[in-house]
Protein backbone atom coordinates (compact mmCIF):
# COMPACT_ATOMS: atom_id res chain seq x y z
CA MET A 1 101.95 108.96 102.15
CA THR A 2 99.49 110.98 100.14
CA SER A 3 96.25 109.70 101.65
CA ASN A 4 94.79 108.85 105.04
CA PRO A 5 96.60 105.77 106.37
CA VAL A 6 93.44 104.03 107.58
CA GLY A 7 91.28 102.74 104.74
CA TRP A 8 88.93 100.40 106.64
CA PHE A 9 88.21 99.42 110.23
CA GLU A 10 86.48 96.52 111.92
CA ILE A 11 85.16 96.46 115.47
CA TYR A 12 84.79 92.87 116.66
CA VAL A 13 81.76 92.11 118.83
CA GLN A 14 80.14 89.11 120.52
CA ASP A 15 76.52 90.31 120.72
CA MET A 16 75.71 91.85 117.33
CA PRO A 17 72.14 93.03 118.07
CA ARG A 18 73.33 94.83 121.21
CA ALA A 19 76.41 96.33 119.53
CA LYS A 20 74.44 97.40 116.44
CA ALA A 21 71.79 99.10 118.58
CA PHE A 22 74.52 100.90 120.56
CA TYR A 23 76.31 102.35 117.52
CA GLU A 24 73.09 103.29 115.74
CA ALA A 25 71.88 105.13 118.84
CA VAL A 26 75.17 106.91 119.55
CA PHE A 27 75.79 108.08 115.97
CA GLN A 28 72.13 108.44 114.92
CA GLY A 29 72.57 106.39 111.73
CA GLU A 30 71.59 103.00 110.40
CA LEU A 31 74.12 100.24 109.84
CA THR A 32 73.63 98.06 106.76
CA PRO A 33 74.37 94.34 106.34
CA LEU A 34 77.44 93.25 104.38
CA SER A 35 77.66 89.88 102.73
CA ASN A 36 80.08 87.34 104.13
CA PRO A 37 83.23 87.52 101.96
CA ASP A 38 84.21 83.90 102.80
CA PRO A 39 81.18 81.75 103.65
CA GLU A 40 83.24 78.56 103.24
CA GLY A 41 85.95 79.63 105.68
CA PHE A 42 83.82 81.67 108.09
CA ALA A 43 80.30 80.29 107.91
CA ASP A 44 79.11 82.18 111.02
CA MET A 45 80.60 85.60 110.17
CA GLU A 46 78.18 88.54 110.44
CA MET A 47 79.06 92.07 109.31
CA TRP A 48 77.21 95.41 109.54
CA ALA A 49 78.67 98.48 107.82
CA PHE A 50 78.66 102.01 109.12
CA PRO A 51 77.23 104.62 106.71
CA MET A 52 79.94 105.33 104.16
CA SER A 53 80.96 107.00 100.97
CA MET A 54 83.84 105.26 99.25
CA GLU A 55 84.59 108.49 97.33
CA GLY A 56 84.70 110.71 100.45
CA PRO A 57 87.60 111.25 102.84
CA GLY A 58 88.15 109.12 105.92
CA ALA A 59 87.82 105.41 106.54
CA ALA A 60 84.81 103.16 106.16
CA GLY A 61 84.23 100.21 108.45
CA ALA A 62 81.98 97.63 110.03
CA LEU A 63 81.00 95.72 113.13
CA VAL A 64 82.04 92.06 112.79
CA ARG A 65 80.94 88.97 114.72
CA MET A 66 83.08 85.92 114.05
CA ALA A 67 83.89 82.86 116.14
CA GLY A 68 87.31 83.05 117.72
CA CYS A 69 87.63 86.84 117.49
CA PRO A 70 87.13 88.40 120.91
CA SER A 71 85.66 91.85 121.40
CA GLY A 72 87.23 94.42 123.67
CA GLY A 73 90.39 94.45 121.55
CA SER A 74 93.23 96.92 121.50
CA THR A 75 92.41 98.79 118.28
CA LEU A 76 91.27 102.36 118.87
CA VAL A 77 89.10 103.93 116.19
CA TYR A 78 88.22 107.63 116.30
CA PHE A 79 84.83 108.68 114.91
CA SER A 80 84.46 112.27 113.65
CA CYS A 81 81.71 114.27 115.41
CA GLU A 82 80.32 117.80 115.49
CA ASP A 83 80.76 117.88 119.30
CA CYS A 84 82.26 114.72 120.82
CA ALA A 85 80.53 115.43 124.15
CA VAL A 86 77.14 114.78 122.51
CA GLU A 87 78.13 111.31 121.29
CA ALA A 88 79.82 110.56 124.64
CA ASP A 89 76.54 111.32 126.40
CA ARG A 90 74.67 109.09 123.93
CA ALA A 91 77.17 106.29 124.56
CA ALA A 92 76.51 106.41 128.29
CA ALA A 93 72.74 106.54 127.72
CA ASN A 94 72.83 103.46 125.47
CA GLY A 95 74.65 100.90 127.59
CA GLY A 96 78.23 102.08 127.16
CA SER A 97 80.33 104.21 129.46
CA VAL A 98 82.49 107.32 129.26
CA PHE A 99 86.14 106.43 129.89
CA LYS A 100 87.45 109.98 129.34
CA PRO A 101 85.05 112.93 128.92
CA LYS A 102 85.62 115.59 126.28
CA MET A 103 89.08 117.10 126.60
CA PRO A 104 91.07 119.55 124.48
CA ILE A 105 93.96 118.35 122.33
CA GLY A 106 95.28 121.77 121.36
CA GLU A 107 95.00 122.94 117.77
CA HIS A 108 93.60 119.51 116.80
CA GLY A 109 90.29 120.01 118.61
CA PHE A 110 88.81 117.71 121.24
CA ILE A 111 88.50 114.01 122.00
CA ALA A 112 86.45 111.79 124.28
CA LEU A 113 86.88 108.06 124.89
CA VAL A 114 83.94 105.73 125.46
CA SER A 115 83.49 102.00 125.96
CA ASP A 116 80.84 100.30 123.86
CA THR A 117 78.52 97.52 124.99
CA GLU A 118 81.12 94.91 123.94
CA GLY A 119 84.03 96.34 125.93
CA ASN A 120 85.72 98.08 123.00
CA LEU A 121 87.30 101.47 123.66
CA VAL A 122 86.20 103.94 120.96
CA GLY A 123 87.51 107.45 120.34
CA LEU A 124 85.38 110.47 119.47
CA HIS A 125 86.93 113.53 117.79
CA SER A 126 85.54 116.99 117.10
CA MET A 127 86.91 120.43 116.34
CA ALA A 128 84.36 122.11 118.62
């Protein structure tokens, strides 16, 4: 492989206003609406994209609310941070919880694991 293996991610949620407010507060950025790619097949689908640059490195992604797709799934997405302890604290202050506080992972920096307001486990990664 010559590129990052993850090109897109989706975090499935049940309560979009609550989940959107959580992620905007934790990462201090505004999510933007995405149009439904299949209104005939998924009339009730709602998507909100994280800030992204399609030309930059890393993966872009969105929160998704769709009937039949439960939140609290088994996919673990790691968000890049300056200091993952800061975002972990914001997660706890905005209705989530800290599952694993900041811990070293050797030469690869640090990680923390938090649960969002929908029960999804989310990873935070930083070099400091």
